[in-house]
């Protein structure tokens, strides 16, 4: 596995003070997770290109953009211009993401593939070699603050065995209800990247929350 990396989700940040919240945790994390929702693929609407572009002007973090939308490929050029580094789309939107992966790379984006809690690993297995990051959802997509679905760890384990057995560099990201209480188990299952929103930005001390989360995932290394 790669070293553990933490990706705070700005969905749980204070949008009236977004730049300040990001600046507070930036020295202590590796990525920034951007949840873009369109009100169609999921029942919520979050933010889009202008917010991402504004954040890029005040952050040098790697921008990990999770696109919970029905037509994410239409926005690849604008996302890259706005400063996104990696775009993740859902296997439920693109059962065969081969073309979309090529589009992302043509725009200079790294490419990720996400699967919902109800979607088996077998749905993404034929395409893992195409992706830089495999995102295992540990909540149902659409809203922050949900409880971690423990059964998702079995999917992480299956993905880790497949990736390692094929000597692939693909990262495994886990997203949804991640906290210091369950992150160690996710790391043991094989996750590399840990998305945390409420556990970080919902804390009275976000920096301490990041440090606690990191301690839990690095305790086995």
Protein backbone atom coordinates (compact mmCIF):
# COMPACT_ATOMS: atom_id res chain seq x y z
CA UNK A 1 0.00 0.00 0.00
CA UNK A 2 0.94 3.62 -0.46
CA UNK A 3 1.43 5.89 2.58
CA UNK A 4 -1.85 6.94 4.16
CA UNK A 5 -3.15 10.30 2.97
CA UNK A 6 -5.95 12.44 4.40
CA UNK A 7 -8.41 14.36 2.23
CA UNK A 8 -10.69 16.74 4.13
CA UNK A 9 -14.06 17.16 2.43
CA UNK A 10 -15.07 20.79 2.17
CA UNK A 11 -18.71 19.74 2.14
CA UNK A 12 -18.56 19.94 5.95
CA UNK A 13 -16.63 23.23 6.07
CA UNK A 14 -18.08 26.66 6.82
CA UNK A 15 -18.82 28.04 3.36
CA UNK A 16 -18.87 31.58 4.71
CA UNK A 17 -15.21 31.08 5.69
CA UNK A 18 -14.14 28.40 3.23
CA UNK A 19 -10.68 29.76 2.43
CA UNK A 20 -9.89 30.12 6.13
CA UNK A 21 -11.05 26.57 6.89
CA UNK A 22 -8.93 25.14 4.09
CA UNK A 23 -5.88 27.20 5.09
CA UNK A 24 -6.21 25.94 8.66
CA UNK A 25 -5.84 22.26 7.71
CA UNK A 26 -3.70 22.59 4.57
CA UNK A 27 -0.29 22.13 6.29
CA UNK A 28 -1.47 18.83 7.80
CA UNK A 29 -3.12 17.03 4.87
CA UNK A 30 -2.27 15.84 1.36
CA UNK A 31 -5.45 16.35 -0.66
CA UNK A 32 -8.63 18.40 -0.66
CA UNK A 33 -11.81 16.50 -1.48
CA UNK A 34 -14.40 18.35 -3.54
CA UNK A 35 -17.89 16.83 -3.64
CA UNK A 36 -19.73 18.17 -6.69
CA UNK A 37 -23.43 17.16 -6.78
CA UNK A 38 -25.99 18.05 -9.41
CA UNK A 39 -29.39 17.26 -7.87
CA UNK A 40 -29.95 14.50 -10.45
CA UNK A 41 -27.55 11.64 -9.79
CA UNK A 42 -27.94 12.46 -6.09
CA UNK A 43 -30.73 14.52 -4.49
CA UNK A 44 -28.46 17.32 -3.29
CA UNK A 45 -26.76 20.30 -4.96
CA UNK A 46 -23.42 21.54 -3.66
CA UNK A 47 -21.05 23.79 -5.63
CA UNK A 48 -19.36 24.03 -9.00
CA UNK A 49 -16.60 25.55 -11.07
CA UNK A 50 -16.51 29.08 -9.56
CA UNK A 51 -15.98 27.78 -6.02
CA UNK A 52 -13.26 25.37 -7.14
CA UNK A 53 -11.47 28.10 -9.11
CA UNK A 54 -11.64 30.46 -6.12
CA UNK A 55 -10.20 27.80 -3.83
CA UNK A 56 -7.37 27.06 -6.26
CA UNK A 57 -6.23 30.66 -5.98
CA UNK A 58 -5.64 30.20 -2.25
CA UNK A 59 -4.56 26.55 -1.99
CA UNK A 60 -1.78 24.43 -3.44
CA UNK A 61 -3.27 21.12 -2.28
CA UNK A 62 -4.02 18.30 -4.70
CA UNK A 63 -7.69 18.77 -5.71
CA UNK A 64 -9.54 15.45 -5.60
CA UNK A 65 -12.92 16.10 -7.24
CA UNK A 66 -15.73 13.57 -6.70
CA UNK A 67 -18.36 14.14 -9.38
CA UNK A 68 -21.78 12.91 -8.27
CA UNK A 69 -23.39 14.05 -11.49
CA UNK A 70 -25.07 12.49 -14.50
CA UNK A 71 -22.72 14.02 -17.11
CA UNK A 72 -19.36 14.67 -15.43
CA UNK A 73 -17.31 14.34 -18.61
CA UNK A 74 -18.95 17.49 -20.00
CA UNK A 75 -17.14 19.46 -17.31
CA UNK A 76 -13.66 17.98 -17.58
CA UNK A 77 -12.16 20.94 -19.49
CA UNK A 78 -13.64 23.51 -17.10
CA UNK A 79 -12.62 21.49 -14.07
CA UNK A 80 -9.03 21.30 -15.27
CA UNK A 81 -8.98 25.03 -15.98
CA UNK A 82 -10.37 25.65 -12.49
CA UNK A 83 -7.49 23.68 -10.97
CA UNK A 84 -8.78 20.16 -10.41
CA UNK A 85 -6.08 17.46 -10.43
CA UNK A 86 -8.17 14.28 -10.32
CA UNK A 87 -11.77 13.72 -11.41
CA UNK A 88 -13.72 10.75 -10.08
CA UNK A 89 -16.89 9.56 -11.79
CA UNK A 90 -19.34 6.83 -10.80
CA UNK A 91 -19.50 3.39 -12.33
CA UNK A 92 -23.29 3.68 -11.92
CA UNK A 93 -23.22 6.55 -14.44
CA UNK A 94 -20.71 4.91 -16.80
CA UNK A 95 -20.94 1.09 -16.65
CA UNK A 96 -18.07 1.12 -19.15
CA UNK A 97 -15.86 4.13 -18.30
CA UNK A 98 -13.19 3.44 -20.93
CA UNK A 99 -14.07 6.46 -23.09
CA UNK A 100 -14.49 8.77 -20.11
CA UNK A 101 -11.13 7.75 -18.67
CA UNK A 102 -9.49 8.66 -21.98
CA UNK A 103 -11.32 12.01 -22.02
CA UNK A 104 -10.09 12.84 -18.53
CA UNK A 105 -6.50 12.05 -19.42
CA UNK A 106 -6.75 14.06 -22.63
CA UNK A 107 -7.61 17.07 -20.47
CA UNK A 108 -4.64 16.45 -18.17
CA UNK A 109 -6.73 15.05 -15.33
CA UNK A 110 -5.97 11.97 -13.29
CA UNK A 111 -8.98 9.65 -13.28
CA UNK A 112 -10.92 8.01 -10.49
CA UNK A 113 -13.84 5.60 -10.42
CA UNK A 114 -16.37 5.44 -7.57
CA UNK A 115 -18.85 2.77 -6.57
CA UNK A 116 -21.83 3.06 -4.25
CA UNK A 117 -22.39 0.81 -1.21
CA UNK A 118 -24.86 -1.35 -3.12
CA UNK A 119 -22.56 -1.80 -6.13
CA UNK A 120 -20.27 -4.86 -6.03
CA UNK A 121 -16.57 -4.70 -6.80
CA UNK A 122 -17.19 -6.87 -9.87
CA UNK A 123 -18.76 -3.84 -11.58
CA UNK A 124 -15.44 -1.97 -11.57
CA UNK A 125 -13.06 -4.92 -11.76
CA UNK A 126 -12.62 -4.84 -15.57
CA UNK A 127 -11.63 -1.17 -15.41
CA UNK A 128 -9.34 -0.89 -12.38
CA UNK A 129 -6.29 -0.80 -14.64
CA UNK A 130 -7.67 2.40 -16.21
CA UNK A 131 -7.87 4.37 -12.98
CA UNK A 132 -5.53 6.21 -10.65
CA UNK A 133 -7.95 5.99 -7.76
CA UNK A 134 -10.79 3.68 -6.80
CA UNK A 135 -13.30 5.35 -4.47
CA UNK A 136 -15.28 3.02 -2.22
CA UNK A 137 -18.31 4.83 -0.81
CA UNK A 138 -18.94 3.97 2.84
CA UNK A 139 -22.19 5.96 2.91
CA UNK A 140 -24.92 6.47 0.34
CA UNK A 141 -23.84 9.45 -1.78
CA UNK A 142 -25.62 12.77 -1.61
CA UNK A 143 -25.31 14.13 1.91
CA UNK A 144 -22.59 14.59 4.52
CA UNK A 145 -22.83 13.53 8.14
CA UNK A 146 -24.00 9.95 7.55
CA UNK A 147 -22.87 6.95 9.59
CA UNK A 148 -20.08 4.71 8.29
CA UNK A 149 -21.28 1.49 6.62
CA UNK A 150 -19.01 -1.19 8.05
CA UNK A 151 -19.75 -3.68 5.28
CA UNK A 152 -17.88 -1.41 2.87
CA UNK A 153 -14.60 -2.67 4.33
CA UNK A 154 -15.12 -6.06 2.71
CA UNK A 155 -15.18 -4.30 -0.66
CA UNK A 156 -11.97 -2.47 0.24
CA UNK A 157 -10.32 -5.80 1.06
CA UNK A 158 -11.40 -7.30 -2.26
CA UNK A 159 -10.13 -4.26 -4.14
CA UNK A 160 -6.80 -4.32 -2.31
CA UNK A 161 -6.23 -7.99 -3.13
CA UNK A 162 -7.03 -7.36 -6.80
CA UNK A 163 -4.80 -4.29 -7.06
CA UNK A 164 -1.87 -5.93 -5.31
CA UNK A 165 -2.18 -9.19 -7.24
CA UNK A 166 -2.00 -7.24 -10.50
CA UNK A 167 0.82 -4.96 -9.27
CA UNK A 168 -1.25 -1.84 -9.99
CA UNK A 169 -0.43 1.61 -8.56
CA UNK A 170 -4.14 2.39 -8.03
CA UNK A 171 -5.03 4.10 -4.77
CA UNK A 172 -8.07 3.03 -2.76
CA UNK A 173 -10.01 5.92 -1.26
CA UNK A 174 -12.75 5.51 1.32
CA UNK A 175 -15.39 8.21 1.70
CA UNK A 176 -18.30 8.52 4.07
CA UNK A 177 -18.52 8.63 7.84
CA UNK A 178 -14.75 8.21 8.19
CA UNK A 179 -13.40 9.09 11.64
CA UNK A 180 -10.55 8.15 13.95
CA UNK A 181 -12.82 5.41 15.35
CA UNK A 182 -13.08 3.46 12.08
CA UNK A 183 -10.14 4.68 9.99
CA UNK A 184 -7.71 2.11 11.40
CA UNK A 185 -10.01 -0.72 10.29
CA UNK A 186 -10.24 0.89 6.84
CA UNK A 187 -6.45 1.11 6.67
CA UNK A 188 -6.12 -2.53 7.70
CA UNK A 189 -8.58 -3.43 4.95
CA UNK A 190 -6.37 -1.70 2.40
CA UNK A 191 -7.43 1.94 2.04
CA UNK A 192 -4.79 4.55 1.15
CA UNK A 193 -6.78 7.80 1.05
CA UNK A 194 -9.21 8.83 3.78
CA UNK A 195 -11.92 11.37 3.06
CA UNK A 196 -13.28 13.00 6.21
CA UNK A 197 -15.70 15.90 6.37
CA UNK A 198 -17.69 16.11 9.58
CA UNK A 199 -14.92 14.42 11.58
CA UNK A 200 -12.58 17.29 10.67
CA UNK A 201 -14.58 20.43 9.95
CA UNK A 202 -17.31 19.50 12.41
CA UNK A 203 -14.75 19.31 15.19
CA UNK A 204 -14.06 22.16 17.59
CA UNK A 205 -10.38 21.79 16.63
CA UNK A 206 -10.02 20.65 13.00
CA UNK A 207 -6.23 20.44 13.16
CA UNK A 208 -6.37 18.19 16.22
CA UNK A 209 -9.01 16.08 14.45
CA UNK A 210 -6.69 15.64 11.45
CA UNK A 211 -3.83 14.65 13.74
CA UNK A 212 -6.01 12.14 15.57
CA UNK A 213 -7.18 10.65 12.28
CA UNK A 214 -3.61 10.40 11.02
CA UNK A 215 -2.46 8.74 14.24
CA UNK A 216 -5.17 6.10 13.83
CA UNK A 217 -4.21 5.23 10.24
CA UNK A 218 -0.47 5.36 10.79
CA UNK A 219 -0.44 3.32 14.00
CA UNK A 220 0.00 0.10 12.01
CA UNK A 221 2.78 1.40 9.72
